[in-house]
N, C-alpha and C. Protein backbone atom coordinates (compact mmCIF):
# COMPACT_ATOMS: atom_id res chain seq x y z
N MET A 1 49.50 140.60 32.33
CA MET A 1 49.05 141.68 33.22
C MET A 1 50.10 141.89 34.31
N HIS A 2 50.44 143.14 34.57
CA HIS A 2 51.49 143.42 35.55
C HIS A 2 51.06 142.95 36.94
N PRO A 3 51.93 142.15 37.62
CA PRO A 3 51.53 141.58 38.91
C PRO A 3 51.37 142.59 40.05
N GLU A 4 52.05 143.73 39.95
CA GLU A 4 51.98 144.73 41.03
C GLU A 4 51.16 145.96 40.65
N ASN A 5 50.99 146.18 39.35
CA ASN A 5 50.28 147.38 38.90
C ASN A 5 49.39 147.06 37.69
N PRO A 6 48.34 146.26 37.91
CA PRO A 6 47.48 145.85 36.79
C PRO A 6 46.72 147.03 36.21
N GLN A 7 46.55 147.04 34.89
CA GLN A 7 45.83 148.13 34.23
C GLN A 7 44.34 148.06 34.57
N PRO A 8 43.78 149.16 35.06
CA PRO A 8 42.35 149.17 35.40
C PRO A 8 41.45 148.74 34.24
N ARG A 9 41.82 149.13 33.01
CA ARG A 9 40.99 148.79 31.84
C ARG A 9 40.95 147.28 31.64
N SER A 10 42.11 146.63 31.81
CA SER A 10 42.18 145.18 31.65
C SER A 10 41.37 144.48 32.73
N ILE A 11 41.50 144.97 33.96
CA ILE A 11 40.74 144.40 35.08
C ILE A 11 39.24 144.55 34.83
N ALA A 12 38.82 145.71 34.35
CA ALA A 12 37.40 145.96 34.07
C ALA A 12 36.87 145.01 32.99
N GLN A 13 37.70 144.73 31.98
CA GLN A 13 37.30 143.81 30.91
C GLN A 13 37.09 142.40 31.45
N VAL A 14 38.01 141.95 32.31
CA VAL A 14 37.89 140.61 32.90
C VAL A 14 36.65 140.53 33.78
N ALA A 15 36.43 141.56 34.61
CA ALA A 15 35.26 141.59 35.49
C ALA A 15 33.97 141.52 34.69
N GLU A 16 33.93 142.26 33.58
CA GLU A 16 32.73 142.25 32.74
C GLU A 16 32.49 140.86 32.14
N SER A 17 33.56 140.20 31.75
CA SER A 17 33.41 138.85 31.18
C SER A 17 32.92 137.86 32.25
N VAL A 18 33.41 138.03 33.49
CA VAL A 18 32.95 137.16 34.59
C VAL A 18 31.46 137.38 34.83
N ARG A 19 31.02 138.64 34.81
CA ARG A 19 29.59 138.93 34.98
C ARG A 19 28.75 138.28 33.88
N SER A 20 29.37 138.08 32.73
CA SER A 20 28.68 137.46 31.59
C SER A 20 28.86 135.95 31.56
N ASP A 21 29.21 135.37 32.71
CA ASP A 21 29.31 133.91 32.87
C ASP A 21 30.60 133.30 32.34
N ALA A 22 31.64 134.10 32.16
CA ALA A 22 32.92 133.55 31.70
C ALA A 22 33.59 132.73 32.81
N LEU A 23 34.36 131.75 32.39
CA LEU A 23 35.23 130.99 33.29
C LEU A 23 36.65 131.46 33.05
N ILE A 24 37.34 131.87 34.12
CA ILE A 24 38.69 132.40 33.97
C ILE A 24 39.70 131.58 34.76
N ALA A 25 40.95 131.65 34.32
CA ALA A 25 42.08 131.16 35.11
C ALA A 25 42.83 132.40 35.58
N TYR A 26 43.10 132.47 36.88
CA TYR A 26 43.68 133.71 37.42
C TYR A 26 44.70 133.39 38.51
N PRO A 27 45.65 134.33 38.75
CA PRO A 27 46.69 134.09 39.75
C PRO A 27 46.21 134.44 41.16
N THR A 28 46.76 133.76 42.17
CA THR A 28 46.49 134.11 43.56
C THR A 28 47.82 134.11 44.32
N ASP A 29 47.75 134.33 45.63
CA ASP A 29 48.96 134.33 46.44
C ASP A 29 49.47 132.91 46.71
N SER A 30 48.70 131.90 46.33
CA SER A 30 49.18 130.52 46.51
C SER A 30 49.51 129.89 45.16
N CYS A 31 48.53 129.80 44.27
CA CYS A 31 48.76 129.24 42.93
C CYS A 31 47.64 129.73 42.01
N TYR A 32 47.71 129.35 40.74
CA TYR A 32 46.63 129.73 39.82
C TYR A 32 45.34 128.99 40.19
N ALA A 33 44.22 129.62 39.86
CA ALA A 33 42.91 129.04 40.19
C ALA A 33 41.95 129.24 39.03
N LEU A 34 40.88 128.47 39.04
CA LEU A 34 39.77 128.66 38.11
C LEU A 34 38.69 129.45 38.84
N GLY A 35 38.07 130.41 38.17
CA GLY A 35 37.07 131.23 38.83
C GLY A 35 35.91 131.59 37.92
N CYS A 36 34.74 131.79 38.53
CA CYS A 36 33.56 132.22 37.79
C CYS A 36 32.64 133.00 38.73
N ARG A 37 31.56 133.51 38.17
CA ARG A 37 30.57 134.25 38.95
C ARG A 37 29.92 133.34 39.98
N LEU A 38 29.57 133.90 41.12
CA LEU A 38 29.02 133.14 42.23
C LEU A 38 27.84 132.26 41.85
N GLY A 39 26.91 132.79 41.05
CA GLY A 39 25.71 132.02 40.71
C GLY A 39 25.78 131.30 39.37
N SER A 40 26.97 131.13 38.82
CA SER A 40 27.09 130.56 37.48
C SER A 40 27.09 129.03 37.51
N ARG A 41 25.94 128.44 37.22
CA ARG A 41 25.86 126.98 37.18
C ARG A 41 26.75 126.42 36.07
N ASP A 42 26.79 127.14 34.94
CA ASP A 42 27.64 126.70 33.83
C ASP A 42 29.11 126.71 34.24
N GLY A 43 29.52 127.76 34.96
CA GLY A 43 30.90 127.84 35.43
C GLY A 43 31.25 126.70 36.36
N ILE A 44 30.33 126.39 37.28
CA ILE A 44 30.55 125.28 38.22
C ILE A 44 30.70 123.97 37.47
N ASP A 45 29.80 123.74 36.51
CA ASP A 45 29.87 122.50 35.73
C ASP A 45 31.18 122.40 34.95
N ARG A 46 31.64 123.53 34.43
CA ARG A 46 32.89 123.51 33.66
C ARG A 46 34.10 123.26 34.55
N ILE A 47 34.10 123.86 35.75
CA ILE A 47 35.20 123.59 36.69
C ILE A 47 35.20 122.11 37.08
N ARG A 48 34.02 121.57 37.38
CA ARG A 48 33.93 120.15 37.73
C ARG A 48 34.43 119.27 36.59
N SER A 49 34.10 119.65 35.36
CA SER A 49 34.52 118.88 34.19
C SER A 49 36.04 118.94 34.00
N ILE A 50 36.61 120.15 34.08
CA ILE A 50 38.06 120.32 33.89
C ILE A 50 38.85 119.56 34.94
N ARG A 51 38.39 119.64 36.19
CA ARG A 51 39.12 119.02 37.30
C ARG A 51 38.61 117.62 37.65
N GLN A 52 37.54 117.19 36.98
CA GLN A 52 36.92 115.88 37.25
C GLN A 52 36.57 115.73 38.73
N LEU A 53 35.79 116.68 39.22
CA LEU A 53 35.40 116.72 40.64
C LEU A 53 34.00 116.14 40.82
N ASP A 54 33.77 115.54 41.98
CA ASP A 54 32.42 115.06 42.29
C ASP A 54 31.65 116.12 43.07
N ASN A 55 30.42 115.80 43.42
CA ASN A 55 29.54 116.78 44.08
C ASN A 55 29.95 117.09 45.51
N ARG A 56 30.86 116.30 46.07
CA ARG A 56 31.27 116.53 47.47
C ARG A 56 32.40 117.55 47.57
N HIS A 57 32.95 117.96 46.43
CA HIS A 57 34.08 118.89 46.46
C HIS A 57 33.65 120.25 47.01
N HIS A 58 34.43 120.78 47.94
CA HIS A 58 34.17 122.11 48.49
C HIS A 58 34.70 123.17 47.52
N PHE A 59 33.82 123.99 47.00
CA PHE A 59 34.27 125.16 46.26
C PHE A 59 34.64 126.25 47.26
N THR A 60 35.37 127.25 46.79
CA THR A 60 35.79 128.35 47.66
C THR A 60 35.22 129.66 47.14
N LEU A 61 34.73 130.49 48.05
CA LEU A 61 34.35 131.85 47.71
C LEU A 61 35.55 132.74 48.02
N VAL A 62 36.12 133.33 46.98
CA VAL A 62 37.27 134.21 47.15
C VAL A 62 36.75 135.62 47.35
N CYS A 63 36.97 136.15 48.55
CA CYS A 63 36.36 137.43 48.96
C CYS A 63 37.39 138.56 48.99
N GLN A 64 36.88 139.77 48.80
CA GLN A 64 37.74 140.95 48.81
C GLN A 64 38.22 141.29 50.22
N ASP A 65 37.30 141.19 51.19
CA ASP A 65 37.63 141.60 52.55
C ASP A 65 36.69 140.93 53.55
N PHE A 66 36.86 141.27 54.83
CA PHE A 66 36.05 140.65 55.87
C PHE A 66 34.57 141.04 55.77
N ALA A 67 34.31 142.27 55.37
CA ALA A 67 32.91 142.71 55.24
C ALA A 67 32.17 141.82 54.25
N GLN A 68 32.83 141.51 53.15
CA GLN A 68 32.22 140.65 52.14
C GLN A 68 32.13 139.20 52.63
N LEU A 69 33.20 138.72 53.22
CA LEU A 69 33.25 137.35 53.73
C LEU A 69 32.12 137.09 54.73
N GLY A 70 31.86 138.09 55.59
CA GLY A 70 30.85 137.95 56.64
C GLY A 70 29.42 137.79 56.12
N GLN A 71 29.19 138.15 54.86
CA GLN A 71 27.85 137.97 54.28
C GLN A 71 27.56 136.50 53.97
N PHE A 72 28.61 135.70 53.82
CA PHE A 72 28.44 134.35 53.29
C PHE A 72 28.71 133.23 54.28
N VAL A 73 29.35 133.55 55.42
CA VAL A 73 29.62 132.52 56.43
C VAL A 73 29.29 133.04 57.83
N GLN A 74 29.00 132.10 58.72
CA GLN A 74 28.73 132.43 60.12
C GLN A 74 30.02 132.28 60.91
N ILE A 75 30.41 133.35 61.61
CA ILE A 75 31.67 133.34 62.36
C ILE A 75 31.43 133.83 63.78
N ASP A 76 31.84 133.03 64.78
CA ASP A 76 31.76 133.54 66.15
C ASP A 76 33.05 134.32 66.48
N ASN A 77 33.10 134.95 67.64
CA ASN A 77 34.20 135.86 67.96
C ASN A 77 35.57 135.20 67.99
N ASP A 78 35.67 134.00 68.59
CA ASP A 78 36.97 133.33 68.67
C ASP A 78 37.49 132.96 67.29
N VAL A 79 36.61 132.43 66.47
CA VAL A 79 36.99 132.05 65.10
C VAL A 79 37.34 133.30 64.31
N PHE A 80 36.57 134.36 64.50
CA PHE A 80 36.84 135.62 63.81
C PHE A 80 38.26 136.10 64.09
N ARG A 81 38.66 136.06 65.36
CA ARG A 81 40.01 136.53 65.72
C ARG A 81 41.09 135.67 65.07
N ALA A 82 40.88 134.36 65.07
CA ALA A 82 41.87 133.45 64.48
C ALA A 82 42.01 133.68 62.98
N ILE A 83 40.89 133.88 62.31
CA ILE A 83 40.92 134.10 60.86
C ILE A 83 41.49 135.48 60.54
N LYS A 84 41.08 136.47 61.33
CA LYS A 84 41.54 137.85 61.11
C LYS A 84 43.07 137.94 61.17
N ALA A 85 43.67 137.15 62.07
CA ALA A 85 45.12 137.18 62.24
C ALA A 85 45.85 136.53 61.06
N SER A 86 45.13 135.81 60.21
CA SER A 86 45.76 135.06 59.12
C SER A 86 45.39 135.57 57.73
N THR A 87 44.62 136.64 57.68
CA THR A 87 44.19 137.13 56.37
C THR A 87 44.52 138.61 56.20
N PRO A 88 44.74 139.06 54.96
CA PRO A 88 44.74 138.22 53.75
C PRO A 88 45.93 137.27 53.74
N GLY A 89 45.76 136.13 53.09
CA GLY A 89 46.84 135.15 53.04
C GLY A 89 46.41 133.86 52.38
N SER A 90 47.33 132.90 52.36
CA SER A 90 47.13 131.64 51.62
C SER A 90 46.38 130.60 52.45
N TYR A 91 45.19 130.97 52.88
CA TYR A 91 44.36 130.07 53.68
C TYR A 91 42.95 130.00 53.11
N THR A 92 42.35 128.82 53.19
CA THR A 92 40.92 128.66 52.94
C THR A 92 40.30 128.16 54.24
N PHE A 93 39.21 128.81 54.65
CA PHE A 93 38.53 128.44 55.89
C PHE A 93 37.15 127.86 55.57
N ILE A 94 36.86 126.70 56.15
CA ILE A 94 35.55 126.08 55.96
C ILE A 94 34.67 126.44 57.15
N LEU A 95 33.53 127.06 56.83
CA LEU A 95 32.63 127.59 57.86
C LEU A 95 31.18 127.34 57.47
N PRO A 96 30.26 127.40 58.45
CA PRO A 96 28.84 127.26 58.12
C PRO A 96 28.39 128.38 57.17
N ALA A 97 27.67 128.00 56.13
CA ALA A 97 27.24 128.96 55.12
C ALA A 97 25.98 129.70 55.57
N THR A 98 25.86 130.96 55.14
CA THR A 98 24.63 131.71 55.36
C THR A 98 23.68 131.45 54.18
N ARG A 99 22.50 132.04 54.25
CA ARG A 99 21.52 131.86 53.17
C ARG A 99 21.94 132.53 51.87
N GLU A 100 22.96 133.38 51.95
CA GLU A 100 23.45 134.06 50.74
C GLU A 100 24.18 133.09 49.80
N VAL A 101 24.60 131.94 50.32
CA VAL A 101 25.36 130.98 49.52
C VAL A 101 24.39 130.03 48.83
N PRO A 102 24.40 129.98 47.49
CA PRO A 102 23.52 129.04 46.79
C PRO A 102 23.72 127.61 47.29
N ARG A 103 22.62 126.87 47.39
CA ARG A 103 22.68 125.51 47.94
C ARG A 103 23.65 124.62 47.16
N MET A 104 23.75 124.84 45.85
CA MET A 104 24.62 123.99 45.03
C MET A 104 26.09 124.16 45.39
N LEU A 105 26.44 125.22 46.12
CA LEU A 105 27.83 125.45 46.51
C LEU A 105 28.13 124.93 47.91
N GLN A 106 27.09 124.60 48.66
CA GLN A 106 27.30 124.14 50.03
C GLN A 106 27.59 122.64 50.06
N HIS A 107 28.36 122.24 51.07
CA HIS A 107 28.56 120.81 51.30
C HIS A 107 27.18 120.19 51.53
N PRO A 108 26.84 119.08 50.82
CA PRO A 108 25.47 118.57 50.86
C PRO A 108 24.98 118.19 52.26
N LYS A 109 25.86 117.75 53.14
CA LYS A 109 25.43 117.35 54.49
C LYS A 109 25.72 118.42 55.53
N LYS A 110 26.91 119.01 55.46
CA LYS A 110 27.34 119.93 56.52
C LYS A 110 26.82 121.36 56.34
N LYS A 111 26.39 121.70 55.10
CA LYS A 111 25.94 123.08 54.80
C LYS A 111 27.06 124.09 55.08
N THR A 112 28.26 123.72 54.67
CA THR A 112 29.43 124.58 54.84
C THR A 112 29.95 125.03 53.49
N VAL A 113 30.85 126.02 53.52
CA VAL A 113 31.49 126.49 52.30
C VAL A 113 32.89 126.98 52.66
N GLY A 114 33.80 126.92 51.70
CA GLY A 114 35.15 127.44 51.90
C GLY A 114 35.20 128.92 51.53
N VAL A 115 35.94 129.71 52.31
CA VAL A 115 36.12 131.13 52.01
C VAL A 115 37.58 131.51 52.19
N ARG A 116 38.01 132.51 51.43
CA ARG A 116 39.37 133.02 51.62
C ARG A 116 39.47 134.47 51.17
N ILE A 117 40.49 135.16 51.70
CA ILE A 117 40.81 136.53 51.28
C ILE A 117 42.27 136.50 50.82
N PRO A 118 42.51 136.58 49.51
CA PRO A 118 43.87 136.42 49.00
C PRO A 118 44.72 137.68 49.16
N ASP A 119 46.01 137.47 49.27
CA ASP A 119 46.97 138.57 49.35
C ASP A 119 47.68 138.68 48.00
N HIS A 120 46.94 139.13 46.99
CA HIS A 120 47.48 139.24 45.64
C HIS A 120 46.87 140.46 44.96
N VAL A 121 47.72 141.33 44.45
CA VAL A 121 47.28 142.62 43.91
C VAL A 121 46.27 142.46 42.77
N VAL A 122 46.56 141.55 41.83
CA VAL A 122 45.69 141.37 40.67
C VAL A 122 44.32 140.83 41.10
N THR A 123 44.34 139.83 41.96
CA THR A 123 43.08 139.24 42.43
C THR A 123 42.26 140.26 43.20
N GLN A 124 42.91 141.04 44.06
CA GLN A 124 42.20 142.06 44.82
C GLN A 124 41.60 143.13 43.90
N ALA A 125 42.34 143.51 42.88
CA ALA A 125 41.83 144.50 41.92
C ALA A 125 40.59 143.96 41.20
N LEU A 126 40.64 142.68 40.84
CA LEU A 126 39.50 142.06 40.16
C LEU A 126 38.29 141.97 41.08
N LEU A 127 38.51 141.58 42.34
CA LEU A 127 37.41 141.46 43.30
C LEU A 127 36.78 142.82 43.59
N THR A 128 37.62 143.86 43.66
CA THR A 128 37.11 145.22 43.88
C THR A 128 36.22 145.65 42.73
N GLU A 129 36.69 145.40 41.51
CA GLU A 129 35.93 145.77 40.31
C GLU A 129 34.64 144.95 40.20
N LEU A 130 34.72 143.68 40.57
CA LEU A 130 33.58 142.77 40.45
C LEU A 130 32.49 143.09 41.48
N GLY A 131 32.91 143.46 42.69
CA GLY A 131 31.95 143.79 43.74
C GLY A 131 31.27 142.60 44.38
N GLU A 132 31.75 141.41 44.10
CA GLU A 132 31.22 140.19 44.72
C GLU A 132 32.32 139.12 44.69
N PRO A 133 32.16 138.05 45.48
CA PRO A 133 33.21 137.03 45.49
C PRO A 133 33.30 136.28 44.16
N LEU A 134 34.46 135.69 43.93
CA LEU A 134 34.63 134.75 42.83
C LEU A 134 34.40 133.34 43.38
N LEU A 135 33.67 132.54 42.65
CA LEU A 135 33.59 131.12 42.96
C LEU A 135 34.85 130.48 42.40
N SER A 136 35.58 129.73 43.21
CA SER A 136 36.93 129.37 42.80
C SER A 136 37.31 127.94 43.18
N SER A 137 38.29 127.42 42.44
CA SER A 137 38.87 126.11 42.73
C SER A 137 40.31 126.11 42.22
N THR A 138 41.21 125.49 42.98
CA THR A 138 42.62 125.40 42.59
C THR A 138 42.74 124.83 41.18
N LEU A 139 43.64 125.41 40.38
CA LEU A 139 43.83 124.90 39.02
C LEU A 139 44.80 123.72 39.06
N LEU A 140 44.28 122.60 39.52
CA LEU A 140 45.05 121.36 39.58
C LEU A 140 44.35 120.35 38.68
N LEU A 141 45.04 119.94 37.62
CA LEU A 141 44.41 119.05 36.64
C LEU A 141 44.47 117.59 37.10
N PRO A 142 43.51 116.78 36.66
CA PRO A 142 43.48 115.37 37.06
C PRO A 142 44.80 114.66 36.74
N GLY A 143 45.29 113.89 37.70
CA GLY A 143 46.50 113.11 37.48
C GLY A 143 47.79 113.87 37.68
N GLU A 144 47.70 115.19 37.94
CA GLU A 144 48.91 115.99 38.15
C GLU A 144 49.07 116.30 39.64
N GLU A 145 50.33 116.33 40.08
CA GLU A 145 50.60 116.51 41.50
C GLU A 145 50.65 117.97 41.93
N GLU A 146 50.98 118.86 40.98
CA GLU A 146 51.09 120.28 41.32
C GLU A 146 50.33 121.12 40.31
N PRO A 147 49.81 122.27 40.75
CA PRO A 147 49.16 123.19 39.81
C PRO A 147 50.17 123.76 38.82
N MET A 148 49.67 124.18 37.66
CA MET A 148 50.54 124.88 36.71
C MET A 148 50.91 126.25 37.28
N THR A 149 52.13 126.69 37.00
CA THR A 149 52.62 127.93 37.61
C THR A 149 52.73 129.10 36.64
N GLN A 150 52.69 128.84 35.35
CA GLN A 150 52.90 129.90 34.36
C GLN A 150 51.63 130.18 33.58
N GLY A 151 51.31 131.48 33.46
CA GLY A 151 50.12 131.87 32.71
C GLY A 151 50.15 131.40 31.26
N TRP A 152 51.32 131.49 30.61
CA TRP A 152 51.40 131.08 29.20
C TRP A 152 51.12 129.59 29.03
N GLU A 153 51.57 128.78 30.01
CA GLU A 153 51.34 127.33 29.94
C GLU A 153 49.85 127.02 30.09
N ILE A 154 49.20 127.74 31.01
CA ILE A 154 47.76 127.55 31.21
C ILE A 154 47.01 127.92 29.93
N LYS A 155 47.39 129.05 29.33
CA LYS A 155 46.75 129.48 28.09
C LYS A 155 46.96 128.44 27.00
N ASP A 156 48.17 127.91 26.93
CA ASP A 156 48.51 126.92 25.91
C ASP A 156 47.68 125.64 26.06
N ARG A 157 47.48 125.22 27.30
CA ARG A 157 46.83 123.92 27.54
C ARG A 157 45.32 124.01 27.76
N LEU A 158 44.84 125.16 28.23
CA LEU A 158 43.43 125.25 28.61
C LEU A 158 42.63 126.29 27.82
N ASP A 159 43.25 126.87 26.80
CA ASP A 159 42.59 127.94 26.05
C ASP A 159 41.25 127.50 25.47
N HIS A 160 41.11 126.21 25.19
CA HIS A 160 39.88 125.70 24.57
C HIS A 160 38.77 125.45 25.60
N VAL A 161 39.10 125.48 26.90
CA VAL A 161 38.07 125.19 27.92
C VAL A 161 37.82 126.35 28.90
N VAL A 162 38.65 127.39 28.87
CA VAL A 162 38.38 128.59 29.68
C VAL A 162 38.22 129.78 28.74
N ASP A 163 37.56 130.82 29.24
CA ASP A 163 37.28 131.99 28.40
C ASP A 163 38.38 133.05 28.46
N ALA A 164 39.14 133.06 29.56
CA ALA A 164 40.22 134.03 29.69
C ALA A 164 41.26 133.51 30.68
N VAL A 165 42.52 133.85 30.41
CA VAL A 165 43.62 133.54 31.32
C VAL A 165 44.29 134.85 31.71
N ILE A 166 44.31 135.16 33.00
CA ILE A 166 45.03 136.35 33.46
C ILE A 166 46.48 135.93 33.71
N ASP A 167 47.35 136.33 32.82
CA ASP A 167 48.76 135.96 32.94
C ASP A 167 49.51 137.10 33.62
N SER A 168 49.90 136.88 34.88
CA SER A 168 50.71 137.90 35.57
C SER A 168 52.02 137.27 36.03
N GLY A 169 52.53 136.36 35.21
CA GLY A 169 53.83 135.75 35.51
C GLY A 169 53.71 134.49 36.32
N ASP A 170 54.80 134.18 36.98
CA ASP A 170 54.92 132.93 37.72
C ASP A 170 54.11 132.99 39.01
N CYS A 171 53.44 131.89 39.32
CA CYS A 171 52.71 131.75 40.58
C CYS A 171 53.33 130.58 41.34
N GLY A 172 52.97 130.42 42.59
CA GLY A 172 53.48 129.29 43.36
C GLY A 172 52.84 127.99 42.93
N THR A 173 53.30 126.89 43.53
CA THR A 173 52.74 125.58 43.22
C THR A 173 51.95 125.00 44.39
N GLU A 174 52.03 125.65 45.55
CA GLU A 174 51.32 125.13 46.71
C GLU A 174 49.93 125.74 46.81
N PRO A 175 48.89 124.90 46.90
CA PRO A 175 47.56 125.45 47.14
C PRO A 175 47.44 126.00 48.55
N THR A 176 46.31 126.57 48.87
CA THR A 176 46.12 127.14 50.21
C THR A 176 46.11 126.06 51.29
N THR A 177 46.44 126.49 52.49
CA THR A 177 46.20 125.66 53.67
C THR A 177 44.70 125.73 53.97
N VAL A 178 44.07 124.58 54.18
CA VAL A 178 42.63 124.54 54.44
C VAL A 178 42.38 124.22 55.91
N VAL A 179 41.66 125.12 56.59
CA VAL A 179 41.33 124.94 58.01
C VAL A 179 39.82 124.90 58.16
N ASP A 180 39.32 123.81 58.76
CA ASP A 180 37.88 123.63 58.95
C ASP A 180 37.49 124.09 60.35
N PHE A 181 36.69 125.16 60.41
CA PHE A 181 36.18 125.68 61.68
C PHE A 181 34.71 125.34 61.89
N SER A 182 34.15 124.49 61.04
CA SER A 182 32.71 124.25 61.10
C SER A 182 32.28 123.54 62.38
N GLY A 183 33.23 122.85 63.04
CA GLY A 183 32.92 122.19 64.30
C GLY A 183 33.27 123.02 65.52
N GLY A 184 33.69 124.27 65.29
CA GLY A 184 34.06 125.17 66.39
C GLY A 184 35.56 125.23 66.63
N GLU A 185 36.24 124.09 66.57
CA GLU A 185 37.69 124.03 66.74
C GLU A 185 38.37 123.98 65.38
N ALA A 186 39.62 124.44 65.34
CA ALA A 186 40.37 124.40 64.08
C ALA A 186 40.82 122.98 63.76
N GLU A 187 40.46 122.51 62.57
CA GLU A 187 40.93 121.21 62.09
C GLU A 187 41.62 121.43 60.74
N ILE A 188 42.91 121.11 60.67
CA ILE A 188 43.65 121.32 59.43
C ILE A 188 43.33 120.18 58.46
N VAL A 189 42.68 120.54 57.36
CA VAL A 189 42.25 119.56 56.37
C VAL A 189 43.33 119.35 55.31
N ARG A 190 44.05 120.42 54.98
CA ARG A 190 45.12 120.33 53.98
C ARG A 190 46.25 121.27 54.38
N TYR A 191 47.46 120.74 54.40
CA TYR A 191 48.64 121.56 54.63
C TYR A 191 49.07 122.14 53.29
N GLY A 192 49.24 123.47 53.24
CA GLY A 192 49.59 124.12 51.99
C GLY A 192 50.50 125.30 52.22
N ALA A 193 50.26 126.39 51.47
CA ALA A 193 51.16 127.54 51.48
C ALA A 193 51.11 128.34 52.79
N GLY A 194 50.00 128.29 53.51
CA GLY A 194 49.87 129.07 54.74
C GLY A 194 50.43 128.35 55.95
N ASP A 195 51.14 129.09 56.81
CA ASP A 195 51.72 128.54 58.04
C ASP A 195 50.60 128.07 58.98
N THR A 196 50.73 126.84 59.48
CA THR A 196 49.66 126.25 60.31
C THR A 196 49.88 126.41 61.81
N THR A 197 50.98 127.03 62.22
CA THR A 197 51.36 127.07 63.64
C THR A 197 50.23 127.52 64.55
N ARG A 198 49.55 128.61 64.19
CA ARG A 198 48.52 129.16 65.09
C ARG A 198 47.26 128.30 65.15
N PHE A 199 47.15 127.31 64.27
CA PHE A 199 45.94 126.46 64.26
C PHE A 199 46.18 125.08 64.87
N GLU A 200 47.40 124.82 65.32
CA GLU A 200 47.73 123.48 65.83
C GLU A 200 47.74 123.44 67.34
């Protein structure tokens, strides 16, 4: 799929498969990720199985824009300004979840969830077509230090465990920078592709 000018028909096909509970591998502005429909228990179980994750792992809601993001997390004015200045971009923000977020996606004790707005044409086109966030996790396989960067390699290795791979060429190897705002102040949980200067 063309990274700058994806075909609407192809995007519509992927969105329809996601609505039907498909698990996809897709490109972002940081690295490739696994994604499924927000309420897909099967998708969550498959992501956990592929990545060998436990129940404490924070999933991320990949949102189209701030209007969508605001439905799923609670943001005060100071935090809003800090996040607004950094999005769209390679950041994941951990914030208190609203009631719109299924309990199985929230941190079991903190009731938080990760959210992000990616700066990637293909991902944005898919989110626009889908009309809701993607439930997502970095495509980092157990025992490997970096995510896979090529769509063809992902298709070659994971074709038997995912339903579709959106191949739009080379992606980066750095996952997002993760900033936890759930305590009110910015706490950098993971240093990644996003510049951390404004949060330190």
